[in-house]
Amino acid sequence: MANNFLKNKSFAFAVRIVNLYKYLNEEKKEFVLSKQLLRCGTSVGAMIREAEHSESKPDFIHKLSVSQKEINESLYWLELLQTTQYLTQDQYKSINKDTLELIKLITSSLKTLKSK
């Protein structure tokens, strides 16, 4: 079962992504890249929640692996938004810190699960 810390961190990340999506749409009039980020950024926590009720250990690992892919994709879209100047350096650094922390947590959890 996914630990509560990972569950809470991924939910808080999803909230940040939704708020960033609204900001990019309303303030920057950016609709394409932000939609991609919204999809994968909110999927991270959804997959962690799905993993909680997985049917088996391999199913749990699979769902957590999908969340790892989604957070990595989120990082890509954030980097692209920053490089194309839709995000300032400070905005990027702030959310990138959370993104990297989630990547580390998910990767660490997967390594632990696969070693057992």
PDB file of N, CA and C in Angstrom:
ATOM      1  N   MET A   1       0.854  -1.196   0.000  1.00  0.00           N
ATOM      2  CA  MET A   1       0.000   0.000   0.000  1.00  0.00           C
ATOM      3  C   MET A   1       0.889   1.245   0.000  1.00  0.00           C
ATOM      4  N   ALA A   2       0.546   2.202  -0.832  1.00  0.00           N
ATOM      5  CA  ALA A   2       1.331   3.445  -0.907  1.00  0.00           C
ATOM      6  C   ALA A   2       1.286   4.152   0.444  1.00  0.00           C
ATOM      7  N   ASN A   3       2.441   4.631   0.874  1.00  0.00           N
ATOM      8  CA  ASN A   3       2.433   5.302   2.173  1.00  0.00           C
ATOM      9  C   ASN A   3       1.719   6.649   2.068  1.00  0.00           C
ATOM     10  N   ASN A   4       1.236   7.121   3.209  1.00  0.00           N
ATOM     11  CA  ASN A   4       0.473   8.370   3.233  1.00  0.00           C
ATOM     12  C   ASN A   4       1.287   9.568   2.794  1.00  0.00           C
ATOM     13  N   PHE A   5       2.604   9.559   3.079  1.00  0.00           N
ATOM     14  CA  PHE A   5       3.449  10.682   2.680  1.00  0.00           C
ATOM     15  C   PHE A   5       3.465  10.825   1.166  1.00  0.00           C
ATOM     16  N   LEU A   6       3.665   9.724   0.468  1.00  0.00           N
ATOM     17  CA  LEU A   6       3.677   9.733  -0.992  1.00  0.00           C
ATOM     18  C   LEU A   6       2.303  10.123  -1.540  1.00  0.00           C
ATOM     19  N   LYS A   7       1.276   9.598  -0.934  1.00  0.00           N
ATOM     20  CA  LYS A   7      -0.103   9.918  -1.330  1.00  0.00           C
ATOM     21  C   LYS A   7      -0.380  11.421  -1.148  1.00  0.00           C
ATOM     22  N   ASN A   8       0.008  11.964  -0.001  1.00  0.00           N
ATOM     23  CA  ASN A   8      -0.215  13.384   0.278  1.00  0.00           C
ATOM     24  C   ASN A   8       0.627  14.281  -0.617  1.00  0.00           C
ATOM     25  N   LYS A   9       1.896  13.900  -0.837  1.00  0.00           N
ATOM     26  CA  LYS A   9       2.788  14.690  -1.696  1.00  0.00           C
ATOM     27  C   LYS A   9       2.266  14.727  -3.126  1.00  0.00           C
ATOM     28  N   SER A  10       1.811  13.592  -3.621  1.00  0.00           N
ATOM     29  CA  SER A  10       1.325  13.536  -5.001  1.00  0.00           C
ATOM     30  C   SER A  10       0.016  14.317  -5.143  1.00  0.00           C
ATOM     31  N   PHE A  11      -0.814  14.332  -4.113  1.00  0.00           N
ATOM     32  CA  PHE A  11      -2.057  15.112  -4.163  1.00  0.00           C
ATOM     33  C   PHE A  11      -1.735  16.607  -4.151  1.00  0.00           C
ATOM     34  N   ALA A  12      -0.814  17.014  -3.278  1.00  0.00           N
ATOM     35  CA  ALA A  12      -0.405  18.426  -3.221  1.00  0.00           C
ATOM     36  C   ALA A  12       0.208  18.855  -4.560  1.00  0.00           C
ATOM     37  N   PHE A  13       0.963  17.956  -5.188  1.00  0.00           N
ATOM     38  CA  PHE A  13       1.546  18.244  -6.499  1.00  0.00           C
ATOM     39  C   PHE A  13       0.427  18.443  -7.527  1.00  0.00           C
ATOM     40  N   ALA A  14      -0.575  17.595  -7.504  1.00  0.00           N
ATOM     41  CA  ALA A  14      -1.707  17.718  -8.437  1.00  0.00           C
ATOM     42  C   ALA A  14      -2.419  19.058  -8.259  1.00  0.00           C
ATOM     43  N   VAL A  15      -2.586  19.486  -7.023  1.00  0.00           N
ATOM     44  CA  VAL A  15      -3.215  20.783  -6.748  1.00  0.00           C
ATOM     45  C   VAL A  15      -2.371  21.909  -7.353  1.00  0.00           C
ATOM     46  N   ARG A  16      -1.053  21.835  -7.184  1.00  0.00           N
ATOM     47  CA  ARG A  16      -0.161  22.848  -7.781  1.00  0.00           C
ATOM     48  C   ARG A  16      -0.275  22.847  -9.300  1.00  0.00           C
ATOM     49  N   ILE A  17      -0.371  21.663  -9.876  1.00  0.00           N
ATOM     50  CA  ILE A  17      -0.474  21.541 -11.334  1.00  0.00           C
ATOM     51  C   ILE A  17      -1.790  22.152 -11.828  1.00  0.00           C
ATOM     52  N   VAL A  18      -2.885  21.889 -11.141  1.00  0.00           N
ATOM     53  CA  VAL A  18      -4.180  22.468 -11.524  1.00  0.00           C
ATOM     54  C   VAL A  18      -4.114  23.993 -11.438  1.00  0.00           C
ATOM     55  N   ASN A  19      -3.533  24.508 -10.369  1.00  0.00           N
ATOM     56  CA  ASN A  19      -3.412  25.963 -10.223  1.00  0.00           C
ATOM     57  C   ASN A  19      -2.487  26.562 -11.284  1.00  0.00           C
ATOM     58  N   LEU A  20      -1.418  25.863 -11.609  1.00  0.00           N
ATOM     59  CA  LEU A  20      -0.518  26.321 -12.667  1.00  0.00           C
ATOM     60  C   LEU A  20      -1.233  26.305 -14.015  1.00  0.00           C
ATOM     61  N   TYR A  21      -2.010  25.275 -14.264  1.00  0.00           N
ATOM     62  CA  TYR A  21      -2.798  25.183 -15.494  1.00  0.00           C
ATOM     63  C   TYR A  21      -3.741  26.385 -15.623  1.00  0.00           C
ATOM     64  N   LYS A  22      -4.439  26.702 -14.539  1.00  0.00           N
ATOM     65  CA  LYS A  22      -5.348  27.857 -14.562  1.00  0.00           C
ATOM     66  C   LYS A  22      -4.573  29.143 -14.835  1.00  0.00           C
ATOM     67  N   TYR A  23      -3.444  29.319 -14.182  1.00  0.00           N
ATOM     68  CA  TYR A  23      -2.602  30.502 -14.387  1.00  0.00           C
ATOM     69  C   TYR A  23      -2.151  30.600 -15.843  1.00  0.00           C
ATOM     70  N   LEU A  24      -1.640  29.510 -16.392  1.00  0.00           N
ATOM     71  CA  LEU A  24      -1.148  29.529 -17.779  1.00  0.00           C
ATOM     72  C   LEU A  24      -2.266  29.836 -18.765  1.00  0.00           C
ATOM     73  N   ASN A  25      -3.462  29.324 -18.505  1.00  0.00           N
ATOM     74  CA  ASN A  25      -4.605  29.595 -19.376  1.00  0.00           C
ATOM     75  C   ASN A  25      -5.082  31.034 -19.267  1.00  0.00           C
ATOM     76  N   GLU A  26      -5.257  31.499 -18.039  1.00  0.00           N
ATOM     77  CA  GLU A  26      -5.841  32.817 -17.821  1.00  0.00           C
ATOM     78  C   GLU A  26      -4.854  33.955 -18.043  1.00  0.00           C
ATOM     79  N   GLU A  27      -3.642  33.799 -17.537  1.00  0.00           N
ATOM     80  CA  GLU A  27      -2.670  34.900 -17.587  1.00  0.00           C
ATOM     81  C   GLU A  27      -1.786  34.871 -18.837  1.00  0.00           C
ATOM     82  N   LYS A  28      -1.393  33.693 -19.264  1.00  0.00           N
ATOM     83  CA  LYS A  28      -0.441  33.565 -20.371  1.00  0.00           C
ATOM     84  C   LYS A  28      -1.102  33.168 -21.688  1.00  0.00           C
ATOM     85  N   LYS A  29      -2.377  32.828 -21.617  1.00  0.00           N
ATOM     86  CA  LYS A  29      -3.131  32.380 -22.809  1.00  0.00           C
ATOM     87  C   LYS A  29      -2.426  31.208 -23.493  1.00  0.00           C
ATOM     88  N   GLU A  30      -1.894  30.306 -22.679  1.00  0.00           N
ATOM     89  CA  GLU A  30      -1.225  29.112 -23.190  1.00  0.00           C
ATOM     90  C   GLU A  30      -2.152  27.931 -22.932  1.00  0.00           C
ATOM     91  N   PHE A  31      -2.500  27.191 -23.990  1.00  0.00           N
ATOM     92  CA  PHE A  31      -3.516  26.156 -23.862  1.00  0.00           C
ATOM     93  C   PHE A  31      -3.047  24.748 -24.233  1.00  0.00           C
ATOM     94  N   VAL A  32      -1.969  24.617 -24.958  1.00  0.00           N
ATOM     95  CA  VAL A  32      -1.560  23.305 -25.471  1.00  0.00           C
ATOM     96  C   VAL A  32      -0.597  22.596 -24.513  1.00  0.00           C
ATOM     97  N   LEU A  33       0.527  23.235 -24.208  1.00  0.00           N
ATOM     98  CA  LEU A  33       1.510  22.627 -23.316  1.00  0.00           C
ATOM     99  C   LEU A  33       0.921  22.416 -21.921  1.00  0.00           C
ATOM    100  N   SER A  34       0.170  23.396 -21.460  1.00  0.00           N
ATOM    101  CA  SER A  34      -0.409  23.310 -20.118  1.00  0.00           C
ATOM    102  C   SER A  34      -1.410  22.154 -20.006  1.00  0.00           C
ATOM    103  N   LYS A  35      -2.119  21.855 -21.081  1.00  0.00           N
ATOM    104  CA  LYS A  35      -3.069  20.731 -21.071  1.00  0.00           C
ATOM    105  C   LYS A  35      -2.315  19.408 -20.922  1.00  0.00           C
ATOM    106  N   GLN A  36      -1.172  19.302 -21.597  1.00  0.00           N
ATOM    107  CA  GLN A  36      -0.345  18.103 -21.476  1.00  0.00           C
ATOM    108  C   GLN A  36       0.155  17.948 -20.034  1.00  0.00           C
ATOM    109  N   LEU A  37       0.601  19.064 -19.459  1.00  0.00           N
ATOM    110  CA  LEU A  37       1.080  19.052 -18.082  1.00  0.00           C
ATOM    111  C   LEU A  37      -0.049  18.695 -17.115  1.00  0.00           C
ATOM    112  N   LEU A  38      -1.234  19.228 -17.343  1.00  0.00           N
ATOM    113  CA  LEU A  38      -2.382  18.932 -16.490  1.00  0.00           C
ATOM    114  C   LEU A  38      -2.683  17.435 -16.502  1.00  0.00           C
ATOM    115  N   ARG A  39      -2.640  16.840 -17.677  1.00  0.00           N
ATOM    116  CA  ARG A  39      -2.962  15.420 -17.819  1.00  0.00           C
ATOM    117  C   ARG A  39      -1.966  14.549 -17.033  1.00  0.00           C
ATOM    118  N   CYS A  40      -0.677  14.737 -17.282  1.00  0.00           N
ATOM    119  CA  CYS A  40       0.290  13.857 -16.625  1.00  0.00           C
ATOM    120  C   CYS A  40       0.532  14.249 -15.164  1.00  0.00           C
ATOM    121  N   GLY A  41       0.484  15.545 -14.865  1.00  0.00           N
ATOM    122  CA  GLY A  41       0.740  15.993 -13.497  1.00  0.00           C
ATOM    123  C   GLY A  41      -0.307  15.548 -12.497  1.00  0.00           C
ATOM    124  N   THR A  42      -1.551  15.438 -12.949  1.00  0.00           N
ATOM    125  CA  THR A  42      -2.612  14.966 -12.057  1.00  0.00           C
ATOM    126  C   THR A  42      -2.703  13.439 -12.060  1.00  0.00           C
ATOM    127  N   SER A  43      -2.168  12.827 -13.085  1.00  0.00           N
ATOM    128  CA  SER A  43      -2.180  11.370 -13.192  1.00  0.00           C
ATOM    129  C   SER A  43      -1.262  10.698 -12.175  1.00  0.00           C
ATOM    130  N   VAL A  44      -0.213  11.399 -11.762  1.00  0.00           N
ATOM    131  CA  VAL A  44       0.751  10.838 -10.812  1.00  0.00           C
ATOM    132  C   VAL A  44       0.033  10.350  -9.552  1.00  0.00           C
ATOM    133  N   GLY A  45      -0.687  11.246  -8.924  1.00  0.00           N
ATOM    134  CA  GLY A  45      -1.404  10.899  -7.695  1.00  0.00           C
ATOM    135  C   GLY A  45      -2.529   9.913  -7.927  1.00  0.00           C
ATOM    136  N   ALA A  46      -3.172  10.017  -9.082  1.00  0.00           N
ATOM    137  CA  ALA A  46      -4.260   9.083  -9.401  1.00  0.00           C
ATOM    138  C   ALA A  46      -3.729   7.649  -9.474  1.00  0.00           C
ATOM    139  N   MET A  47      -2.563   7.470 -10.061  1.00  0.00           N
ATOM    140  CA  MET A  47      -1.978   6.133 -10.156  1.00  0.00           C
ATOM    141  C   MET A  47      -1.516   5.627  -8.791  1.00  0.00           C
ATOM    142  N   ILE A  48      -1.040   6.528  -7.956  1.00  0.00           N
ATOM    143  CA  ILE A  48      -0.646   6.140  -6.596  1.00  0.00           C
ATOM    144  C   ILE A  48      -1.882   5.698  -5.816  1.00  0.00           C
ATOM    145  N   ARG A  49      -2.982   6.414  -6.013  1.00  0.00           N
ATOM    146  CA  ARG A  49      -4.235   6.014  -5.363  1.00  0.00           C
ATOM    147  C   ARG A  49      -4.722   4.664  -5.891  1.00  0.00           C
ATOM    148  N   GLU A  50      -4.601   4.460  -7.199  1.00  0.00           N
ATOM    149  CA  GLU A  50      -4.994   3.171  -7.776  1.00  0.00           C
ATOM    150  C   GLU A  50      -4.157   2.047  -7.183  1.00  0.00           C
ATOM    151  N   ALA A  51      -2.879   2.309  -6.991  1.00  0.00           N
ATOM    152  CA  ALA A  51      -1.975   1.289  -6.460  1.00  0.00           C
ATOM    153  C   ALA A  51      -2.413   0.810  -5.071  1.00  0.00           C
ATOM    154  N   GLU A  52      -3.041   1.694  -4.319  1.00  0.00           N
ATOM    155  CA  GLU A  52      -3.507   1.332  -2.973  1.00  0.00           C
ATOM    156  C   GLU A  52      -4.432   0.121  -2.994  1.00  0.00           C
ATOM    157  N   HIS A  53      -5.177  -0.023  -4.061  1.00  0.00           N
ATOM    158  CA  HIS A  53      -6.141  -1.121  -4.163  1.00  0.00           C
ATOM    159  C   HIS A  53      -5.773  -2.072  -5.293  1.00  0.00           C
ATOM    160  N   SER A  54      -4.475  -2.235  -5.482  1.00  0.00           N
ATOM    161  CA  SER A  54      -4.012  -3.136  -6.523  1.00  0.00           C
ATOM    162  C   SER A  54      -4.371  -4.581  -6.176  1.00  0.00           C
ATOM    163  N   GLU A  55      -4.414  -5.397  -7.194  1.00  0.00           N
ATOM    164  CA  GLU A  55      -4.825  -6.790  -7.016  1.00  0.00           C
ATOM    165  C   GLU A  55      -3.693  -7.687  -6.541  1.00  0.00           C
ATOM    166  N   SER A  56      -2.454  -7.253  -6.769  1.00  0.00           N
ATOM    167  CA  SER A  56      -1.301  -8.068  -6.399  1.00  0.00           C
ATOM    168  C   SER A  56      -0.073  -7.164  -6.293  1.00  0.00           C
ATOM    169  N   LYS A  57       1.026  -7.730  -5.808  1.00  0.00           N
ATOM    170  CA  LYS A  57       2.263  -6.965  -5.728  1.00  0.00           C
ATOM    171  C   LYS A  57       2.732  -6.532  -7.124  1.00  0.00           C
ATOM    172  N   PRO A  58       2.710  -7.428  -8.128  1.00  0.00           N
ATOM    173  CA  PRO A  58       3.103  -6.976  -9.477  1.00  0.00           C
ATOM    174  C   PRO A  58       2.200  -5.851 -10.005  1.00  0.00           C
ATOM    175  N   ASP A  59       0.914  -5.912  -9.704  1.00  0.00           N
ATOM    176  CA  ASP A  59      -0.023  -4.863 -10.121  1.00  0.00           C
ATOM    177  C   ASP A  59       0.317  -3.551  -9.413  1.00  0.00           C
ATOM    178  N   PHE A  60       0.647  -3.640  -8.125  1.00  0.00           N
ATOM    179  CA  PHE A  60       1.047  -2.457  -7.350  1.00  0.00           C
ATOM    180  C   PHE A  60       2.294  -1.829  -7.971  1.00  0.00           C
ATOM    181  N   ILE A  61       3.290  -2.660  -8.262  1.00  0.00           N
ATOM    182  CA  ILE A  61       4.534  -2.171  -8.867  1.00  0.00           C
ATOM    183  C   ILE A  61       4.255  -1.536 -10.224  1.00  0.00           C
ATOM    184  N   HIS A  62       3.376  -2.159 -11.001  1.00  0.00           N
ATOM    185  CA  HIS A  62       3.026  -1.605 -12.317  1.00  0.00           C
ATOM    186  C   HIS A  62       2.401  -0.219 -12.186  1.00  0.00           C
ATOM    187  N   LYS A  63       1.451  -0.071 -11.292  1.00  0.00           N
ATOM    188  CA  LYS A  63       0.776   1.224 -11.124  1.00  0.00           C
ATOM    189  C   LYS A  63       1.746   2.296 -10.616  1.00  0.00           C
ATOM    190  N   LEU A  64       2.625   1.908  -9.723  1.00  0.00           N
ATOM    191  CA  LEU A  64       3.629   2.848  -9.229  1.00  0.00           C
ATOM    192  C   LEU A  64       4.622   3.209 -10.341  1.00  0.00           C
ATOM    193  N   SER A  65       4.917   2.248 -11.201  1.00  0.00           N
ATOM    194  CA  SER A  65       5.798   2.506 -12.351  1.00  0.00           C
ATOM    195  C   SER A  65       5.160   3.480 -13.329  1.00  0.00           C
ATOM    196  N   VAL A  66       3.862   3.368 -13.518  1.00  0.00           N
ATOM    197  CA  VAL A  66       3.148   4.317 -14.390  1.00  0.00           C
ATOM    198  C   VAL A  66       3.219   5.714 -13.776  1.00  0.00           C
ATOM    199  N   SER A  67       3.055   5.813 -12.459  1.00  0.00           N
ATOM    200  CA  SER A  67       3.151   7.130 -11.812  1.00  0.00           C
ATOM    201  C   SER A  67       4.552   7.705 -11.981  1.00  0.00           C
ATOM    202  N   GLN A  68       5.571   6.858 -11.980  1.00  0.00           N
ATOM    203  CA  GLN A  68       6.947   7.300 -12.206  1.00  0.00           C
ATOM    204  C   GLN A  68       7.091   7.881 -13.619  1.00  0.00           C
ATOM    205  N   LYS A  69       6.498   7.229 -14.591  1.00  0.00           N
ATOM    206  CA  LYS A  69       6.544   7.724 -15.968  1.00  0.00           C
ATOM    207  C   LYS A  69       5.815   9.062 -16.088  1.00  0.00           C
ATOM    208  N   GLU A  70       4.692   9.184 -15.401  1.00  0.00           N
ATOM    209  CA  GLU A  70       3.899  10.413 -15.468  1.00  0.00           C
ATOM    210  C   GLU A  70       4.622  11.594 -14.814  1.00  0.00           C
ATOM    211  N   ILE A  71       5.309  11.355 -13.702  1.00  0.00           N
ATOM    212  CA  ILE A  71       6.033  12.461 -13.061  1.00  0.00           C
ATOM    213  C   ILE A  71       7.231  12.865 -13.912  1.00  0.00           C
ATOM    214  N   ASN A  72       7.834  11.903 -14.581  1.00  0.00           N
ATOM    215  CA  ASN A  72       8.947  12.214 -15.473  1.00  0.00           C
ATOM    216  C   ASN A  72       8.459  13.030 -16.673  1.00  0.00           C
ATOM    217  N   GLU A  73       7.285  12.678 -17.187  1.00  0.00           N
ATOM    218  CA  GLU A  73       6.709  13.458 -18.285  1.00  0.00           C
ATOM    219  C   GLU A  73       6.356  14.871 -17.809  1.00  0.00           C
ATOM    220  N   SER A  74       5.871  14.981 -16.596  1.00  0.00           N
ATOM    221  CA  SER A  74       5.570  16.306 -16.028  1.00  0.00           C
ATOM    222  C   SER A  74       6.812  17.178 -16.024  1.00  0.00           C
ATOM    223  N   LEU A  75       7.930  16.581 -15.650  1.00  0.00           N
ATOM    224  CA  LEU A  75       9.192  17.307 -15.638  1.00  0.00           C
ATOM    225  C   LEU A  75       9.526  17.843 -17.031  1.00  0.00           C
ATOM    226  N   TYR A  76       9.290  17.032 -18.036  1.00  0.00           N
ATOM    227  CA  TYR A  76       9.528  17.459 -19.427  1.00  0.00           C
ATOM    228  C   TYR A  76       8.709  18.705 -19.776  1.00  0.00           C
ATOM    229  N   TRP A  77       7.409  18.669 -19.491  1.00  0.00           N
ATOM    230  CA  TRP A  77       6.541  19.803 -19.841  1.00  0.00           C
ATOM    231  C   TRP A  77       6.908  21.046 -19.035  1.00  0.00           C
ATOM    232  N   LEU A  78       7.287  20.870 -17.780  1.00  0.00           N
ATOM    233  CA  LEU A  78       7.716  22.017 -16.968  1.00  0.00           C
ATOM    234  C   LEU A  78       8.986  22.640 -17.533  1.00  0.00           C
ATOM    235  N   GLU A  79       9.928  21.800 -17.934  1.00  0.00           N
ATOM    236  CA  GLU A  79      11.168  22.305 -18.540  1.00  0.00           C
ATOM    237  C   GLU A  79      10.866  23.058 -19.833  1.00  0.00           C
ATOM    238  N   LEU A  80       9.959  22.512 -20.624  1.00  0.00           N
ATOM    239  CA  LEU A  80       9.590  23.161 -21.885  1.00  0.00           C
ATOM    240  C   LEU A  80       8.893  24.504 -21.634  1.00  0.00           C
ATOM    241  N   LEU A  81       8.001  24.537 -20.668  1.00  0.00           N
ATOM    242  CA  LEU A  81       7.305  25.790 -20.334  1.00  0.00           C
ATOM    243  C   LEU A  81       8.289  26.847 -19.827  1.00  0.00           C
ATOM    244  N   GLN A  82       9.288  26.434 -19.087  1.00  0.00           N
ATOM    245  CA  GLN A  82      10.287  27.372 -18.591  1.00  0.00           C
ATOM    246  C   GLN A  82      11.193  27.844 -19.726  1.00  0.00           C
ATOM    247  N   THR A  83      11.618  26.933 -20.565  1.00  0.00           N
ATOM    248  CA  THR A  83      12.518  27.275 -21.666  1.00  0.00           C
ATOM    249  C   THR A  83      11.844  28.199 -22.680  1.00  0.00           C
ATOM    250  N   THR A  84      10.543  28.039 -22.862  1.00  0.00           N
ATOM    251  CA  THR A  84       9.796  28.890 -23.799  1.00  0.00           C
ATOM    252  C   THR A  84       9.226  30.132 -23.118  1.00  0.00           C
ATOM    253  N   GLN A  85       9.637  30.354 -21.890  1.00  0.00           N
ATOM    254  CA  GLN A  85       9.344  31.554 -21.116  1.00  0.00           C
ATOM    255  C   GLN A  85       7.874  31.738 -20.736  1.00  0.00           C
ATOM    256  N   TYR A  86       7.151  30.621 -20.648  1.00  0.00           N
ATOM    257  CA  TYR A  86       5.808  30.701 -20.064  1.00  0.00           C
ATOM    258  C   TYR A  86       5.901  30.691 -18.542  1.00  0.00           C
ATOM    259  N   LEU A  87       6.993  30.130 -18.015  1.00  0.00           N
ATOM    260  CA  LEU A  87       7.270  30.148 -16.582  1.00  0.00           C
ATOM    261  C   LEU A  87       8.556  30.921 -16.344  1.00  0.00           C
ATOM    262  N   THR A  88       8.559  31.718 -15.288  1.00  0.00           N
ATOM    263  CA  THR A  88       9.801  32.396 -14.913  1.00  0.00           C
ATOM    264  C   THR A  88      10.731  31.369 -14.272  1.00  0.00           C
ATOM    265  N   GLN A  89      11.981  31.735 -14.129  1.00  0.00           N
ATOM    266  CA  GLN A  89      12.950  30.850 -13.481  1.00  0.00           C
ATOM    267  C   GLN A  89      12.506  30.515 -12.054  1.00  0.00           C
ATOM    268  N   ASP A  90      11.997  31.519 -11.332  1.00  0.00           N
ATOM    269  CA  ASP A  90      11.548  31.287  -9.954  1.00  0.00           C
ATOM    270  C   ASP A  90      10.336  30.355  -9.898  1.00  0.00           C
ATOM    271  N   GLN A  91       9.378  30.557 -10.800  1.00  0.00           N
ATOM    272  CA  GLN A  91       8.209  29.678 -10.843  1.00  0.00           C
ATOM    273  C   GLN A  91       8.642  28.238 -11.128  1.00  0.00           C
ATOM    274  N   TYR A  92       9.530  28.107 -12.083  1.00  0.00           N
ATOM    275  CA  TYR A  92      10.022  26.782 -12.454  1.00  0.00           C
ATOM    276  C   TYR A  92      10.758  26.114 -11.293  1.00  0.00           C
ATOM    277  N   LYS A  93      11.657  26.851 -10.658  1.00  0.00           N
ATOM    278  CA  LYS A  93      12.440  26.290  -9.553  1.00  0.00           C
ATOM    279  C   LYS A  93      11.524  25.806  -8.431  1.00  0.00           C
ATOM    280  N   SER A  94      10.491  26.568  -8.138  1.00  0.00           N
ATOM    281  CA  SER A  94       9.573  26.226  -7.069  1.00  0.00           C
ATOM    282  C   SER A  94       8.875  24.889  -7.323  1.00  0.00           C
ATOM    283  N   ILE A  95       8.285  24.730  -8.492  1.00  0.00           N
ATOM    284  CA  ILE A  95       7.555  23.494  -8.776  1.00  0.00           C
ATOM    285  C   ILE A  95       8.505  22.354  -9.143  1.00  0.00           C
ATOM    286  N   ASN A  96       9.658  22.678  -9.705  1.00  0.00           N
ATOM    287  CA  ASN A  96      10.634  21.647 -10.051  1.00  0.00           C
ATOM    288  C   ASN A  96      11.140  20.935  -8.802  1.00  0.00           C
ATOM    289  N   LYS A  97      11.267  21.676  -7.716  1.00  0.00           N
ATOM    290  CA  LYS A  97      11.701  21.084  -6.442  1.00  0.00           C
ATOM    291  C   LYS A  97      10.730  19.975  -6.022  1.00  0.00           C
ATOM    292  N   ASP A  98       9.438  20.254  -6.112  1.00  0.00           N
ATOM    293  CA  ASP A  98       8.416  19.252  -5.768  1.00  0.00           C
ATOM    294  C   ASP A  98       8.449  18.071  -6.746  1.00  0.00           C
ATOM    295  N   THR A  99       8.659  18.380  -8.017  1.00  0.00           N
ATOM    296  CA  THR A  99       8.693  17.335  -9.037  1.00  0.00           C
ATOM    297  C   THR A  99       9.841  16.368  -8.773  1.00  0.00           C
ATOM    298  N   LEU A 100      11.027  16.910  -8.528  1.00  0.00           N
ATOM    299  CA  LEU A 100      12.194  16.065  -8.276  1.00  0.00           C
ATOM    300  C   LEU A 100      12.043  15.254  -6.990  1.00  0.00           C
ATOM    301  N   GLU A 101      11.428  15.852  -5.996  1.00  0.00           N
ATOM    302  CA  GLU A 101      11.191  15.133  -4.741  1.00  0.00           C
ATOM    303  C   GLU A 101      10.259  13.946  -4.970  1.00  0.00           C
ATOM    304  N   LEU A 102       9.223  14.146  -5.761  1.00  0.00           N
ATOM    305  CA  LEU A 102       8.301  13.053  -6.065  1.00  0.00           C
ATOM    306  C   LEU A 102       8.982  11.960  -6.875  1.00  0.00           C
ATOM    307  N   ILE A 103       9.797  12.352  -7.850  1.00  0.00           N
ATOM    308  CA  ILE A 103      10.532  11.351  -8.637  1.00  0.00           C
ATOM    309  C   ILE A 103      11.385  10.489  -7.711  1.00  0.00           C
ATOM    310  N   LYS A 104      12.087  11.124  -6.791  1.00  0.00           N
ATOM    311  CA  LYS A 104      12.945  10.387  -5.861  1.00  0.00           C
ATOM    312  C   LYS A 104      12.133   9.455  -4.961  1.00  0.00           C
ATOM    313  N   LEU A 105      11.015   9.949  -4.446  1.00  0.00           N
ATOM    314  CA  LEU A 105      10.171   9.124  -3.572  1.00  0.00           C
ATOM    315  C   LEU A 105       9.617   7.908  -4.301  1.00  0.00           C
ATOM    316  N   ILE A 106       9.116   8.121  -5.496  1.00  0.00           N
ATOM    317  CA  ILE A 106       8.529   7.022  -6.263  1.00  0.00           C
ATOM    318  C   ILE A 106       9.608   6.013  -6.654  1.00  0.00           C
ATOM    319  N   THR A 107      10.750   6.519  -7.120  1.00  0.00           N
ATOM    320  CA  THR A 107      11.843   5.639  -7.524  1.00  0.00           C
ATOM    321  C   THR A 107      12.349   4.817  -6.337  1.00  0.00           C
ATOM    322  N   SER A 108      12.493   5.459  -5.199  1.00  0.00           N
ATOM    323  CA  SER A 108      12.933   4.771  -3.989  1.00  0.00           C
ATOM    324  C   SER A 108      11.932   3.688  -3.582  1.00  0.00           C
ATOM    325  N   SER A 109      10.645   4.018  -3.635  1.00  0.00           N
ATOM    326  CA  SER A 109       9.603   3.042  -3.294  1.00  0.00           C
ATOM    327  C   SER A 109       9.652   1.842  -4.233  1.00  0.00           C
ATOM    328  N   LEU A 110       9.838   2.114  -5.516  1.00  0.00           N
ATOM    329  CA  LEU A 110       9.907   1.025  -6.493  1.00  0.00           C
ATOM    330  C   LEU A 110      11.120   0.132  -6.253  1.00  0.00           C
ATOM    331  N   LYS A 111      12.265   0.745  -5.980  1.00  0.00           N
ATOM    332  CA  LYS A 111      13.482  -0.042  -5.717  1.00  0.00           C
ATOM    333  C   LYS A 111      13.276  -0.945  -4.500  1.00  0.00           C
ATOM    334  N   THR A 112      12.673  -0.411  -3.460  1.00  0.00           N
ATOM    335  CA  THR A 112      12.416  -1.182  -2.249  1.00  0.00           C
ATOM    336  C   THR A 112      11.472  -2.353  -2.542  1.00  0.00           C
ATOM    337  N   LEU A 113      10.391  -2.065  -3.270  1.00  0.00           N
ATOM    338  CA  LEU A 113       9.415  -3.108  -3.598  1.00  0.00           C
ATOM    339  C   LEU A 113      10.020  -4.211  -4.466  1.00  0.00           C
ATOM    340  N   LYS A 114      10.831  -3.820  -5.428  1.00  0.00           N
ATOM    341  CA  LYS A 114      11.397  -4.798  -6.347  1.00  0.00           C
ATOM    342  C   LYS A 114      12.485  -5.652  -5.678  1.00  0.00           C
ATOM    343  N   SER A 115      13.092  -5.128  -4.616  1.00  0.00           N
ATOM    344  CA  SER A 115      14.151  -5.869  -3.935  1.00  0.00           C
ATOM    345  C   SER A 115      13.603  -6.909  -2.956  1.00  0.00           C
ATOM    346  N   LYS A 116      12.313  -6.815  -2.653  1.00  0.00           N
ATOM    347  CA  LYS A 116      11.702  -7.748  -1.667  1.00  0.00           C
ATOM    348  C   LYS A 116      11.221  -9.012  -2.359  1.00  0.00           C
TER     349      LYS A 116
END
